[in-house]
Amino acid sequence: MEFEGCNCFRQRLVLSTLSGKRVKIRNIRSKDDNPGMRDFEASFIRLLDKVTNGTRIEINQTGTVLFYQPGLLYGGSVEHECHVQRSIGYYLEGLLMLAPFMKAPLRAVLKGVTNDPTDPSVDLLKLTAIPLMKQFGIDGDSLEIKVVKRGMAPAGGGEVLFTCPVRRSMKPIQLTEPGKIKRIRGTAYPSADNKTSYQEF
């Protein structure tokens, strides 16, 4: 399968990995002053390489063309240094989609920026993605997102532990009712310039 541009970059690679189909992405920011993939996108590709076995990756010299042939989703224990241009949530979203279908239970230690204004924070994913995954039948004590320590841009230094069991099948669910709002929770954390940032969900 062939695509063009950098839109839906993670989704294309995640779906390629789940389906086992190889993809080629052309013209990645080819008309920009700084063409090609960004460092955080290359870091996401390295993360996919770590959780798979036999993945083949080819990138041209300018970084504007990527060929990705996925290997077997293996899982196991993984440690990854996420690029500080994006928060850990950027990488964690991809793992959340892949983790239940791996050969071995996943235990991923992600290091980098835990909170930024661009991506969903680790706290948001912990309170939204985990309950949703449990509705699909992915349950147990081994399904967890844990913030070991926080890190802010540009230095990073945060650490998040994500563990997920393997599921051969999932329960179908219907999400047609919005439900009622019972409470509104917020998370406050200090930013790098010693000011306080707020996230509400």
Protein backbone atom coordinates (compact mmCIF):
# COMPACT_ATOMS: atom_id res chain seq x y z
CA MET A 1 0.00 0.00 0.00
CA GLU A 2 1.24 3.49 -0.82
CA PHE A 3 0.42 6.82 0.81
CA GLU A 4 1.59 10.40 0.50
CA GLY A 5 2.36 13.02 3.10
CA CYS A 6 2.81 13.00 6.86
CA ASN A 7 -0.88 13.03 7.80
CA CYS A 8 -2.04 10.06 9.90
CA PHE A 9 1.58 8.89 10.15
CA ARG A 10 1.15 6.85 13.33
CA GLN A 11 -2.21 5.43 12.29
CA ARG A 12 -0.79 4.15 9.00
CA LEU A 13 2.09 2.42 10.74
CA VAL A 14 -0.07 0.97 13.52
CA LEU A 15 -2.63 -0.42 11.06
CA SER A 16 0.17 -1.77 8.89
CA THR A 17 1.59 -3.56 11.94
CA LEU A 18 -1.79 -5.02 12.94
CA SER A 19 -2.66 -6.18 9.41
CA GLY A 20 0.84 -7.34 8.46
CA LYS A 21 0.72 -5.33 5.24
CA ARG A 22 3.74 -3.34 4.17
CA VAL A 23 3.37 0.34 3.37
CA LYS A 24 5.32 2.98 1.50
CA ILE A 25 4.85 6.64 2.39
CA ARG A 26 6.11 9.19 -0.12
CA ASN A 27 6.49 12.97 -0.15
CA ILE A 28 6.82 13.36 3.61
CA ARG A 29 6.99 17.17 3.91
CA SER A 30 8.74 17.21 0.54
CA LYS A 31 7.84 20.87 -0.09
CA ASP A 32 8.88 22.16 3.33
CA ASP A 33 12.05 24.15 3.91
CA ASN A 34 13.05 21.30 6.21
CA PRO A 35 11.78 18.23 4.30
CA GLY A 36 11.42 14.69 5.60
CA MET A 37 10.43 12.98 8.82
CA ARG A 38 10.83 14.70 12.15
CA ASP A 39 12.90 13.26 14.97
CA PHE A 40 9.80 12.29 16.99
CA GLU A 41 8.44 10.31 14.04
CA ALA A 42 11.73 8.46 13.66
CA SER A 43 11.59 7.75 17.39
CA PHE A 44 8.09 6.27 17.00
CA ILE A 45 9.37 3.99 14.24
CA ARG A 46 12.19 2.80 16.53
CA LEU A 47 9.58 2.02 19.20
CA LEU A 48 7.61 -0.11 16.72
CA ASP A 49 10.82 -1.90 15.82
CA LYS A 50 11.40 -2.72 19.49
CA VAL A 51 7.98 -4.31 20.06
CA THR A 52 8.13 -6.35 16.85
CA ASN A 53 10.42 -9.05 15.51
CA GLY A 54 11.65 -9.01 11.91
CA THR A 55 10.45 -5.52 10.95
CA ARG A 56 12.14 -4.05 7.88
CA ILE A 57 12.49 -0.26 7.65
CA GLU A 58 13.97 1.75 4.79
CA ILE A 59 14.24 5.55 4.74
CA ASN A 60 15.75 7.51 1.87
CA GLN A 61 18.53 10.05 2.39
CA THR A 62 16.24 13.08 2.66
CA GLY A 63 13.71 11.31 4.90
CA THR A 64 10.85 11.99 2.50
CA VAL A 65 10.18 8.32 1.65
CA LEU A 66 9.57 5.55 4.16
CA PHE A 67 9.17 1.84 3.42
CA TYR A 68 7.79 -0.16 6.35
CA GLN A 69 7.36 -3.92 6.35
CA PRO A 70 6.02 -5.01 9.75
CA GLY A 71 7.30 -8.02 11.59
CA LEU A 72 5.65 -10.17 14.23
CA LEU A 73 4.13 -8.31 17.18
CA TYR A 74 6.24 -9.77 19.96
CA GLY A 75 5.95 -7.56 23.06
CA GLY A 76 7.91 -8.45 26.17
CA SER A 77 9.97 -5.94 28.17
CA VAL A 78 10.81 -2.77 26.27
CA GLU A 79 12.53 0.47 27.27
CA HIS A 80 12.36 3.48 24.97
CA GLU A 81 13.67 7.03 25.13
CA CYS A 82 10.92 9.14 23.55
CA HIS A 83 12.01 12.23 21.67
CA VAL A 84 11.25 15.40 23.62
CA GLN A 85 9.56 17.12 20.65
CA ARG A 86 6.41 15.19 21.61
CA SER A 87 5.19 13.88 24.94
CA ILE A 88 5.06 10.25 26.01
CA GLY A 89 1.32 10.29 25.24
CA TYR A 90 2.14 10.46 21.51
CA TYR A 91 3.98 7.14 21.75
CA LEU A 92 1.65 5.58 24.30
CA GLU A 93 -1.40 6.01 22.06
CA GLY A 94 0.25 3.79 19.47
CA LEU A 95 1.15 1.13 22.03
CA LEU A 96 -2.40 1.09 23.42
CA MET A 97 -3.68 -0.03 20.03
CA LEU A 98 -1.03 -2.72 19.58
CA ALA A 99 -0.44 -4.14 23.06
CA PRO A 100 -3.41 -6.56 23.36
CA PHE A 101 -2.43 -8.37 20.14
CA MET A 102 1.19 -9.16 20.94
CA LYS A 103 2.66 -12.60 21.41
CA ALA A 104 3.85 -11.88 24.95
CA PRO A 105 2.47 -9.47 27.57
CA LEU A 106 3.94 -6.02 27.12
CA ARG A 107 5.92 -4.19 29.77
CA ALA A 108 7.05 -0.87 28.32
CA VAL A 109 9.09 1.80 30.10
CA LEU A 110 8.79 5.09 28.22
CA LYS A 111 11.06 8.00 29.11
CA GLY A 112 10.71 11.62 28.10
CA VAL A 113 8.15 14.42 28.48
CA THR A 114 5.04 13.37 30.43
CA ASN A 115 2.92 16.52 29.91
CA ASP A 116 2.78 19.05 27.10
CA PRO A 117 0.03 21.14 25.44
CA THR A 118 0.12 19.19 22.14
CA ASP A 119 -0.55 15.54 23.02
CA PRO A 120 -2.87 13.79 25.50
CA SER A 121 -1.18 13.61 28.86
CA VAL A 122 -0.36 10.31 30.52
CA ASP A 123 -2.94 11.15 33.19
CA LEU A 124 -5.66 11.60 30.56
CA LEU A 125 -4.85 8.28 28.88
CA LYS A 126 -4.77 6.54 32.25
CA LEU A 127 -8.29 7.73 33.12
CA THR A 128 -9.85 7.24 29.67
CA ALA A 129 -8.04 4.54 27.68
CA ILE A 130 -7.68 2.00 30.49
CA PRO A 131 -11.42 1.89 31.38
CA LEU A 132 -12.27 1.64 27.67
CA MET A 133 -9.86 -1.27 27.19
CA LYS A 134 -11.47 -3.04 30.14
CA GLN A 135 -14.83 -2.85 28.40
CA PHE A 136 -13.31 -4.83 25.54
CA GLY A 137 -12.39 -7.58 28.00
CA ILE A 138 -8.77 -6.57 28.51
CA ASP A 139 -8.69 -6.74 32.27
CA GLY A 140 -6.54 -7.87 35.11
CA ASP A 141 -3.91 -6.48 37.42
CA SER A 142 -1.37 -6.37 34.61
CA LEU A 143 -3.25 -3.64 32.68
CA GLU A 144 -1.79 -0.43 34.04
CA ILE A 145 -0.36 2.98 33.20
CA LYS A 146 1.86 4.25 36.00
CA VAL A 147 3.66 7.58 36.16
CA VAL A 148 6.99 6.81 37.83
CA LYS A 149 8.25 10.38 37.56
CA ARG A 150 7.29 13.46 35.59
CA GLY A 151 9.35 15.28 33.01
CA MET A 152 8.86 18.57 31.20
CA ALA A 153 10.17 19.94 27.93
CA PRO A 154 12.80 20.63 26.86
CA ALA A 155 14.80 18.39 29.19
CA GLY A 156 12.35 15.50 29.55
CA GLY A 157 13.39 13.11 32.31
CA GLY A 158 9.94 11.64 32.94
CA GLU A 159 9.22 7.93 33.12
CA VAL A 160 6.01 5.98 32.53
CA LEU A 161 5.38 2.26 32.95
CA PHE A 162 2.75 0.65 30.72
CA THR A 163 1.82 -3.02 31.13
CA CYS A 164 -0.83 -4.92 29.18
CA PRO A 165 -1.84 -8.60 28.98
CA VAL A 166 -2.43 -10.46 25.73
CA ARG A 167 -5.95 -11.14 24.48
CA ARG A 168 -6.75 -13.52 21.61
CA SER A 169 -10.26 -12.15 21.26
CA MET A 170 -12.21 -9.11 22.42
CA LYS A 171 -15.77 -8.49 23.45
CA PRO A 172 -17.82 -6.35 21.04
CA ILE A 173 -19.21 -3.26 22.71
CA GLN A 174 -21.71 -0.56 21.81
CA LEU A 175 -21.01 3.02 22.77
CA THR A 176 -24.20 4.80 21.76
CA GLU A 177 -25.17 6.57 24.98
CA PRO A 178 -23.07 9.53 26.13
CA GLY A 179 -23.90 8.88 29.77
CA LYS A 180 -24.06 11.43 32.57
CA ILE A 181 -21.27 13.60 33.90
CA LYS A 182 -20.69 12.56 37.51
CA ARG A 183 -17.63 14.60 38.31
CA ILE A 184 -14.95 16.76 36.73
CA ARG A 185 -11.39 16.06 37.73
CA GLY A 186 -8.27 18.05 37.09
CA THR A 187 -4.54 17.52 37.27
CA ALA A 188 -2.15 20.33 38.18
CA TYR A 189 1.57 20.08 37.56
CA PRO A 190 4.49 22.55 37.52
CA SER A 191 5.98 23.39 34.14
CA ALA A 192 9.64 23.93 33.33
CA ASP A 193 9.41 27.70 33.92
CA ASN A 194 8.00 27.12 37.43
CA LYS A 195 4.53 28.22 36.45
CA THR A 196 1.55 25.96 37.07
CA SER A 197 -0.22 24.28 34.16
CA TYR A 198 -3.66 22.75 34.45
CA GLN A 199 -5.35 19.94 32.61
CA GLU A 200 -9.01 19.15 33.15
CA PHE A 201 -10.90 16.12 31.94
